[in-house]
Amino acid sequence: MIKQNMPKALIQWHPAFCSAMELDLSDANPDSCLIFEREHTLNKAPLQVDLLVTREDSAPLHGEIGEYLRRYNLFEFKSQHSQ
């Protein structure tokens, strides 16, 4: 039986994206202190970024992403299905 006119399910990608970033960066340098803030508010208005990663020290980080991190790092995730 084919169901028609079914509402398209919305997948929440942000939690998975943030978890993946935290997991990947946790291996970059165990001695480095990174702070992860999900859905960080950027203004008094409802303007938010998906993930803010703050470096509290200058210890070198490794890995595909860690090498590019600065003091403050904003990440916005857009899935291929975003409208």
PDB file of N, CA and C in Angstrom:
ATOM      1  N   MET A   1       0.839  -1.166   0.000  1.00  0.00           N
ATOM      2  CA  MET A   1       0.000   0.000   0.000  1.00  0.00           C
ATOM      3  C   MET A   1       0.895   1.243   0.000  1.00  0.00           C
ATOM      4  N   ILE A   2       0.631   2.190  -0.879  1.00  0.00           N
ATOM      5  CA  ILE A   2       1.394   3.426  -0.976  1.00  0.00           C
ATOM      6  C   ILE A   2       0.625   4.528  -0.263  1.00  0.00           C
ATOM      7  N   LYS A   3       1.308   5.162   0.676  1.00  0.00           N
ATOM      8  CA  LYS A   3       0.678   6.256   1.407  1.00  0.00           C
ATOM      9  C   LYS A   3       0.960   7.560   0.672  1.00  0.00           C
ATOM     10  N   GLN A   4      -0.065   8.299   0.395  1.00  0.00           N
ATOM     11  CA  GLN A   4       0.089   9.562  -0.301  1.00  0.00           C
ATOM     12  C   GLN A   4      -0.198  10.712   0.647  1.00  0.00           C
ATOM     13  N   ASN A   5       0.329  11.875   0.296  1.00  0.00           N
ATOM     14  CA  ASN A   5       0.118  13.097   1.069  1.00  0.00           C
ATOM     15  C   ASN A   5       0.636  12.985   2.508  1.00  0.00           C
ATOM     16  N   MET A   6       1.667  12.178   2.687  1.00  0.00           N
ATOM     17  CA  MET A   6       2.276  12.068   4.008  1.00  0.00           C
ATOM     18  C   MET A   6       3.215  13.254   4.200  1.00  0.00           C
ATOM     19  N   PRO A   7       3.199  13.889   5.362  1.00  0.00           N
ATOM     20  CA  PRO A   7       4.132  14.994   5.597  1.00  0.00           C
ATOM     21  C   PRO A   7       5.572  14.477   5.588  1.00  0.00           C
ATOM     22  N   LYS A   8       6.460  15.251   4.990  1.00  0.00           N
ATOM     23  CA  LYS A   8       7.865  14.866   4.924  1.00  0.00           C
ATOM     24  C   LYS A   8       8.481  14.982   6.320  1.00  0.00           C
ATOM     25  N   ALA A   9       9.136  13.926   6.757  1.00  0.00           N
ATOM     26  CA  ALA A   9       9.763  13.914   8.080  1.00  0.00           C
ATOM     27  C   ALA A   9      10.972  14.843   8.076  1.00  0.00           C
ATOM     28  N   LEU A  10      11.063  15.689   9.069  1.00  0.00           N
ATOM     29  CA  LEU A  10      12.208  16.571   9.212  1.00  0.00           C
ATOM     30  C   LEU A  10      13.234  15.900  10.112  1.00  0.00           C
ATOM     31  N   ILE A  11      14.435  15.785   9.618  1.00  0.00           N
ATOM     32  CA  ILE A  11      15.509  15.160  10.375  1.00  0.00           C
ATOM     33  C   ILE A  11      16.307  16.256  11.067  1.00  0.00           C
ATOM     34  N   GLN A  12      16.540  16.094  12.342  1.00  0.00           N
ATOM     35  CA  GLN A  12      17.326  17.047  13.110  1.00  0.00           C
ATOM     36  C   GLN A  12      18.813  16.689  12.960  1.00  0.00           C
ATOM     37  N   TRP A  13      19.510  17.397  12.063  1.00  0.00           N
ATOM     38  CA  TRP A  13      20.918  17.129  11.785  1.00  0.00           C
ATOM     39  C   TRP A  13      21.853  17.807  12.775  1.00  0.00           C
ATOM     40  N   HIS A  14      21.426  18.886  13.402  1.00  0.00           N
ATOM     41  CA  HIS A  14      22.327  19.654  14.251  1.00  0.00           C
ATOM     42  C   HIS A  14      22.906  18.859  15.421  1.00  0.00           C
ATOM     43  N   PRO A  15      22.111  18.100  16.166  1.00  0.00           N
ATOM     44  CA  PRO A  15      22.692  17.342  17.284  1.00  0.00           C
ATOM     45  C   PRO A  15      23.756  16.342  16.814  1.00  0.00           C
ATOM     46  N   ALA A  16      23.505  15.674  15.695  1.00  0.00           N
ATOM     47  CA  ALA A  16      24.478  14.708  15.181  1.00  0.00           C
ATOM     48  C   ALA A  16      25.742  15.415  14.712  1.00  0.00           C
ATOM     49  N   PHE A  17      25.575  16.561  14.045  1.00  0.00           N
ATOM     50  CA  PHE A  17      26.723  17.338  13.583  1.00  0.00           C
ATOM     51  C   PHE A  17      27.579  17.789  14.766  1.00  0.00           C
ATOM     52  N   CYS A  18      26.944  18.347  15.787  1.00  0.00           N
ATOM     53  CA  CYS A  18      27.688  18.831  16.961  1.00  0.00           C
ATOM     54  C   CYS A  18      28.401  17.682  17.664  1.00  0.00           C
ATOM     55  N   SER A  19      27.737  16.555  17.799  1.00  0.00           N
ATOM     56  CA  SER A  19      28.358  15.396  18.442  1.00  0.00           C
ATOM     57  C   SER A  19      29.557  14.904  17.643  1.00  0.00           C
ATOM     58  N   ALA A  20      29.432  14.880  16.318  1.00  0.00           N
ATOM     59  CA  ALA A  20      30.542  14.445  15.474  1.00  0.00           C
ATOM     60  C   ALA A  20      31.729  15.391  15.599  1.00  0.00           C
ATOM     61  N   MET A  21      31.459  16.703  15.642  1.00  0.00           N
ATOM     62  CA  MET A  21      32.534  17.680  15.802  1.00  0.00           C
ATOM     63  C   MET A  21      33.233  17.501  17.147  1.00  0.00           C
ATOM     64  N   GLU A  22      32.458  17.316  18.203  1.00  0.00           N
ATOM     65  CA  GLU A  22      33.040  17.123  19.529  1.00  0.00           C
ATOM     66  C   GLU A  22      33.885  15.855  19.576  1.00  0.00           C
ATOM     67  N   LEU A  23      33.399  14.796  18.956  1.00  0.00           N
ATOM     68  CA  LEU A  23      34.131  13.533  18.940  1.00  0.00           C
ATOM     69  C   LEU A  23      35.424  13.681  18.153  1.00  0.00           C
ATOM     70  N   ASP A  24      35.352  14.288  16.972  1.00  0.00           N
ATOM     71  CA  ASP A  24      36.538  14.454  16.138  1.00  0.00           C
ATOM     72  C   ASP A  24      37.575  15.339  16.825  1.00  0.00           C
ATOM     73  N   LEU A  25      37.137  16.430  17.420  1.00  0.00           N
ATOM     74  CA  LEU A  25      38.072  17.363  18.043  1.00  0.00           C
ATOM     75  C   LEU A  25      38.581  16.879  19.394  1.00  0.00           C
ATOM     76  N   SER A  26      37.887  15.940  20.020  1.00  0.00           N
ATOM     77  CA  SER A  26      38.361  15.416  21.302  1.00  0.00           C
ATOM     78  C   SER A  26      39.647  14.620  21.116  1.00  0.00           C
ATOM     79  N   ASP A  27      39.857  14.095  19.914  1.00  0.00           N
ATOM     80  CA  ASP A  27      41.068  13.336  19.624  1.00  0.00           C
ATOM     81  C   ASP A  27      42.187  14.231  19.105  1.00  0.00           C
ATOM     82  N   ALA A  28      41.902  15.507  18.824  1.00  0.00           N
ATOM     83  CA  ALA A  28      42.892  16.405  18.238  1.00  0.00           C
ATOM     84  C   ALA A  28      44.072  16.634  19.177  1.00  0.00           C
ATOM     85  N   ASN A  29      43.800  16.838  20.446  1.00  0.00           N
ATOM     86  CA  ASN A  29      44.844  17.005  21.455  1.00  0.00           C
ATOM     87  C   ASN A  29      44.196  16.850  22.824  1.00  0.00           C
ATOM     88  N   PRO A  30      44.463  15.755  23.503  1.00  0.00           N
ATOM     89  CA  PRO A  30      43.836  15.522  24.817  1.00  0.00           C
ATOM     90  C   PRO A  30      44.173  16.591  25.848  1.00  0.00           C
ATOM     91  N   ASP A  31      45.305  17.307  25.662  1.00  0.00           N
ATOM     92  CA  ASP A  31      45.718  18.321  26.630  1.00  0.00           C
ATOM     93  C   ASP A  31      45.098  19.682  26.355  1.00  0.00           C
ATOM     94  N   SER A  32      44.476  19.860  25.208  1.00  0.00           N
ATOM     95  CA  SER A  32      43.889  21.149  24.844  1.00  0.00           C
ATOM     96  C   SER A  32      42.500  21.276  25.466  1.00  0.00           C
ATOM     97  N   CYS A  33      42.149  22.488  25.829  1.00  0.00           N
ATOM     98  CA  CYS A  33      40.839  22.732  26.432  1.00  0.00           C
ATOM     99  C   CYS A  33      39.944  23.423  25.407  1.00  0.00           C
ATOM    100  N   LEU A  34      38.966  22.716  24.899  1.00  0.00           N
ATOM    101  CA  LEU A  34      37.999  23.268  23.958  1.00  0.00           C
ATOM    102  C   LEU A  34      36.639  23.332  24.638  1.00  0.00           C
ATOM    103  N   ILE A  35      35.911  24.393  24.397  1.00  0.00           N
ATOM    104  CA  ILE A  35      34.568  24.555  24.948  1.00  0.00           C
ATOM    105  C   ILE A  35      33.590  24.511  23.787  1.00  0.00           C
ATOM    106  N   PHE A  36      32.581  23.669  23.874  1.00  0.00           N
ATOM    107  CA  PHE A  36      31.575  23.519  22.828  1.00  0.00           C
ATOM    108  C   PHE A  36      30.253  24.092  23.328  1.00  0.00           C
ATOM    109  N   GLU A  37      29.688  25.032  22.580  1.00  0.00           N
ATOM    110  CA  GLU A  37      28.402  25.635  22.940  1.00  0.00           C
ATOM    111  C   GLU A  37      27.438  25.435  21.778  1.00  0.00           C
ATOM    112  N   ARG A  38      26.471  24.580  21.966  1.00  0.00           N
ATOM    113  CA  ARG A  38      25.488  24.310  20.911  1.00  0.00           C
ATOM    114  C   ARG A  38      24.430  25.405  20.877  1.00  0.00           C
ATOM    115  N   GLU A  39      23.986  25.730  19.667  1.00  0.00           N
ATOM    116  CA  GLU A  39      22.951  26.746  19.453  1.00  0.00           C
ATOM    117  C   GLU A  39      23.288  28.027  20.205  1.00  0.00           C
ATOM    118  N   HIS A  40      24.505  28.488  20.057  1.00  0.00           N
ATOM    119  CA  HIS A  40      24.974  29.684  20.747  1.00  0.00           C
ATOM    120  C   HIS A  40      24.282  30.926  20.204  1.00  0.00           C
ATOM    121  N   THR A  41      23.673  31.717  21.063  1.00  0.00           N
ATOM    122  CA  THR A  41      22.974  32.935  20.663  1.00  0.00           C
ATOM    123  C   THR A  41      23.986  34.021  20.336  1.00  0.00           C
ATOM    124  N   LEU A  42      23.865  34.628  19.163  1.00  0.00           N
ATOM    125  CA  LEU A  42      24.806  35.646  18.716  1.00  0.00           C
ATOM    126  C   LEU A  42      24.335  37.065  18.989  1.00  0.00           C
ATOM    127  N   ASN A  43      23.071  37.244  19.289  1.00  0.00           N
ATOM    128  CA  ASN A  43      22.519  38.580  19.445  1.00  0.00           C
ATOM    129  C   ASN A  43      21.295  38.487  20.346  1.00  0.00           C
ATOM    130  N   LYS A  44      20.711  39.614  20.675  1.00  0.00           N
ATOM    131  CA  LYS A  44      19.473  39.600  21.453  1.00  0.00           C
ATOM    132  C   LYS A  44      18.326  39.049  20.622  1.00  0.00           C
ATOM    133  N   ALA A  45      18.380  39.292  19.334  1.00  0.00           N
ATOM    134  CA  ALA A  45      17.376  38.737  18.422  1.00  0.00           C
ATOM    135  C   ALA A  45      17.642  37.232  18.293  1.00  0.00           C
ATOM    136  N   PRO A  46      16.699  36.485  17.762  1.00  0.00           N
ATOM    137  CA  PRO A  46      16.876  35.035  17.672  1.00  0.00           C
ATOM    138  C   PRO A  46      17.837  34.616  16.547  1.00  0.00           C
ATOM    139  N   LEU A  47      19.055  35.158  16.582  1.00  0.00           N
ATOM    140  CA  LEU A  47      20.086  34.795  15.620  1.00  0.00           C
ATOM    141  C   LEU A  47      21.028  33.833  16.316  1.00  0.00           C
ATOM    142  N   GLN A  48      21.161  32.621  15.781  1.00  0.00           N
ATOM    143  CA  GLN A  48      21.986  31.607  16.426  1.00  0.00           C
ATOM    144  C   GLN A  48      22.888  30.931  15.399  1.00  0.00           C
ATOM    145  N   VAL A  49      24.000  30.440  15.877  1.00  0.00           N
ATOM    146  CA  VAL A  49      24.899  29.623  15.075  1.00  0.00           C
ATOM    147  C   VAL A  49      24.814  28.212  15.641  1.00  0.00           C
ATOM    148  N   ASP A  50      25.026  27.207  14.797  1.00  0.00           N
ATOM    149  CA  ASP A  50      24.868  25.824  15.248  1.00  0.00           C
ATOM    150  C   ASP A  50      25.869  25.431  16.331  1.00  0.00           C
ATOM    151  N   LEU A  51      27.114  25.835  16.169  1.00  0.00           N
ATOM    152  CA  LEU A  51      28.128  25.402  17.129  1.00  0.00           C
ATOM    153  C   LEU A  51      29.228  26.458  17.236  1.00  0.00           C
ATOM    154  N   LEU A  52      29.584  26.822  18.455  1.00  0.00           N
ATOM    155  CA  LEU A  52      30.710  27.696  18.734  1.00  0.00           C
ATOM    156  C   LEU A  52      31.752  26.867  19.479  1.00  0.00           C
ATOM    157  N   VAL A  53      32.963  26.785  18.922  1.00  0.00           N
ATOM    158  CA  VAL A  53      34.063  26.082  19.564  1.00  0.00           C
ATOM    159  C   VAL A  53      35.098  27.126  19.956  1.00  0.00           C
ATOM    160  N   THR A  54      35.403  27.216  21.243  1.00  0.00           N
ATOM    161  CA  THR A  54      36.355  28.191  21.755  1.00  0.00           C
ATOM    162  C   THR A  54      37.594  27.469  22.250  1.00  0.00           C
ATOM    163  N   ARG A  55      38.755  27.962  21.841  1.00  0.00           N
ATOM    164  CA  ARG A  55      40.024  27.406  22.324  1.00  0.00           C
ATOM    165  C   ARG A  55      40.489  28.247  23.499  1.00  0.00           C
ATOM    166  N   GLU A  56      40.769  27.619  24.612  1.00  0.00           N
ATOM    167  CA  GLU A  56      41.241  28.339  25.784  1.00  0.00           C
ATOM    168  C   GLU A  56      42.751  28.372  25.890  1.00  0.00           C
ATOM    169  N   ASP A  57      43.435  27.629  25.035  1.00  0.00           N
ATOM    170  CA  ASP A  57      44.889  27.649  25.047  1.00  0.00           C
ATOM    171  C   ASP A  57      45.401  27.553  23.617  1.00  0.00           C
ATOM    172  N   SER A  58      46.699  27.630  23.460  1.00  0.00           N
ATOM    173  CA  SER A  58      47.267  27.589  22.114  1.00  0.00           C
ATOM    174  C   SER A  58      47.971  26.267  21.842  1.00  0.00           C
ATOM    175  N   ALA A  59      47.642  25.238  22.597  1.00  0.00           N
ATOM    176  CA  ALA A  59      48.244  23.927  22.362  1.00  0.00           C
ATOM    177  C   ALA A  59      47.909  23.466  20.949  1.00  0.00           C
ATOM    178  N   PRO A  60      48.856  22.888  20.257  1.00  0.00           N
ATOM    179  CA  PRO A  60      48.590  22.462  18.875  1.00  0.00           C
ATOM    180  C   PRO A  60      47.540  21.363  18.825  1.00  0.00           C
ATOM    181  N   LEU A  61      46.680  21.454  17.826  1.00  0.00           N
ATOM    182  CA  LEU A  61      45.649  20.446  17.599  1.00  0.00           C
ATOM    183  C   LEU A  61      45.987  19.707  16.313  1.00  0.00           C
ATOM    184  N   HIS A  62      45.555  18.480  16.228  1.00  0.00           N
ATOM    185  CA  HIS A  62      45.835  17.662  15.062  1.00  0.00           C
ATOM    186  C   HIS A  62      44.522  17.189  14.463  1.00  0.00           C
ATOM    187  N   GLY A  63      44.593  16.518  13.357  1.00  0.00           N
ATOM    188  CA  GLY A  63      43.397  15.996  12.713  1.00  0.00           C
ATOM    189  C   GLY A  63      42.982  16.873  11.546  1.00  0.00           C
ATOM    190  N   GLU A  64      41.978  16.410  10.835  1.00  0.00           N
ATOM    191  CA  GLU A  64      41.540  17.099   9.625  1.00  0.00           C
ATOM    192  C   GLU A  64      40.963  18.479   9.898  1.00  0.00           C
ATOM    193  N   ILE A  65      40.328  18.670  11.026  1.00  0.00           N
ATOM    194  CA  ILE A  65      39.695  19.952  11.337  1.00  0.00           C
ATOM    195  C   ILE A  65      40.507  20.734  12.360  1.00  0.00           C
ATOM    196  N   GLY A  66      41.072  20.066  13.330  1.00  0.00           N
ATOM    197  CA  GLY A  66      41.754  20.717  14.432  1.00  0.00           C
ATOM    198  C   GLY A  66      42.849  21.679  14.018  1.00  0.00           C
ATOM    199  N   GLU A  67      43.532  21.383  12.929  1.00  0.00           N
ATOM    200  CA  GLU A  67      44.633  22.239  12.471  1.00  0.00           C
ATOM    201  C   GLU A  67      44.161  23.627  12.052  1.00  0.00           C
ATOM    202  N   TYR A  68      42.878  23.779  11.741  1.00  0.00           N
ATOM    203  CA  TYR A  68      42.349  25.038  11.234  1.00  0.00           C
ATOM    204  C   TYR A  68      41.689  25.907  12.300  1.00  0.00           C
ATOM    205  N   LEU A  69      41.566  25.398  13.509  1.00  0.00           N
ATOM    206  CA  LEU A  69      40.838  26.131  14.529  1.00  0.00           C
ATOM    207  C   LEU A  69      41.594  27.356  15.025  1.00  0.00           C
ATOM    208  N   ARG A  70      40.852  28.418  15.267  1.00  0.00           N
ATOM    209  CA  ARG A  70      41.376  29.652  15.839  1.00  0.00           C
ATOM    210  C   ARG A  70      40.819  29.779  17.261  1.00  0.00           C
ATOM    211  N   ARG A  71      40.915  30.956  17.853  1.00  0.00           N
ATOM    212  CA  ARG A  71      40.413  31.181  19.217  1.00  0.00           C
ATOM    213  C   ARG A  71      38.905  30.940  19.284  1.00  0.00           C
ATOM    214  N   TYR A  72      38.150  31.556  18.384  1.00  0.00           N
ATOM    215  CA  TYR A  72      36.696  31.365  18.310  1.00  0.00           C
ATOM    216  C   TYR A  72      36.364  30.813  16.931  1.00  0.00           C
ATOM    217  N   ASN A  73      35.530  29.772  16.902  1.00  0.00           N
ATOM    218  CA  ASN A  73      35.211  29.084  15.650  1.00  0.00           C
ATOM    219  C   ASN A  73      33.713  28.861  15.572  1.00  0.00           C
ATOM    220  N   LEU A  74      33.096  29.404  14.534  1.00  0.00           N
ATOM    221  CA  LEU A  74      31.662  29.258  14.332  1.00  0.00           C
ATOM    222  C   LEU A  74      31.411  28.214  13.265  1.00  0.00           C
ATOM    223  N   PHE A  75      30.469  27.323  13.536  1.00  0.00           N
ATOM    224  CA  PHE A  75      30.107  26.292  12.577  1.00  0.00           C
ATOM    225  C   PHE A  75      28.607  26.351  12.331  1.00  0.00           C
ATOM    226  N   GLU A  76      28.233  26.349  11.078  1.00  0.00           N
ATOM    227  CA  GLU A  76      26.836  26.314  10.667  1.00  0.00           C
ATOM    228  C   GLU A  76      26.678  25.120   9.747  1.00  0.00           C
ATOM    229  N   PHE A  77      25.798  24.222  10.087  1.00  0.00           N
ATOM    230  CA  PHE A  77      25.598  23.004   9.308  1.00  0.00           C
ATOM    231  C   PHE A  77      24.352  23.138   8.466  1.00  0.00           C
ATOM    232  N   LYS A  78      24.463  22.867   7.184  1.00  0.00           N
ATOM    233  CA  LYS A  78      23.323  22.851   6.275  1.00  0.00           C
ATOM    234  C   LYS A  78      23.305  21.494   5.582  1.00  0.00           C
ATOM    235  N   SER A  79      22.219  20.783   5.740  1.00  0.00           N
ATOM    236  CA  SER A  79      22.109  19.498   5.066  1.00  0.00           C
ATOM    237  C   SER A  79      21.715  19.722   3.615  1.00  0.00           C
ATOM    238  N   GLN A  80      21.870  18.724   2.813  1.00  0.00           N
ATOM    239  CA  GLN A  80      21.490  18.837   1.414  1.00  0.00           C
ATOM    240  C   GLN A  80      19.967  18.957   1.260  1.00  0.00           C
ATOM    241  N   HIS A  81      19.247  18.680   2.338  1.00  0.00           N
ATOM    242  CA  HIS A  81      17.793  18.727   2.286  1.00  0.00           C
ATOM    243  C   HIS A  81      17.229  19.990   2.910  1.00  0.00           C
ATOM    244  N   SER A  82      18.116  20.936   3.288  1.00  0.00           N
ATOM    245  CA  SER A  82      17.641  22.191   3.901  1.00  0.00           C
ATOM    246  C   SER A  82      16.826  22.969   2.900  1.00  0.00           C
ATOM    247  N   GLN A  83      15.846  23.673   3.422  1.00  0.00           N
ATOM    248  CA  GLN A  83      14.993  24.465   2.526  1.00  0.00           C
ATOM    249  C   GLN A  83      15.345  25.918   2.619  1.00  0.00           C
TER     250      GLN A  83
END
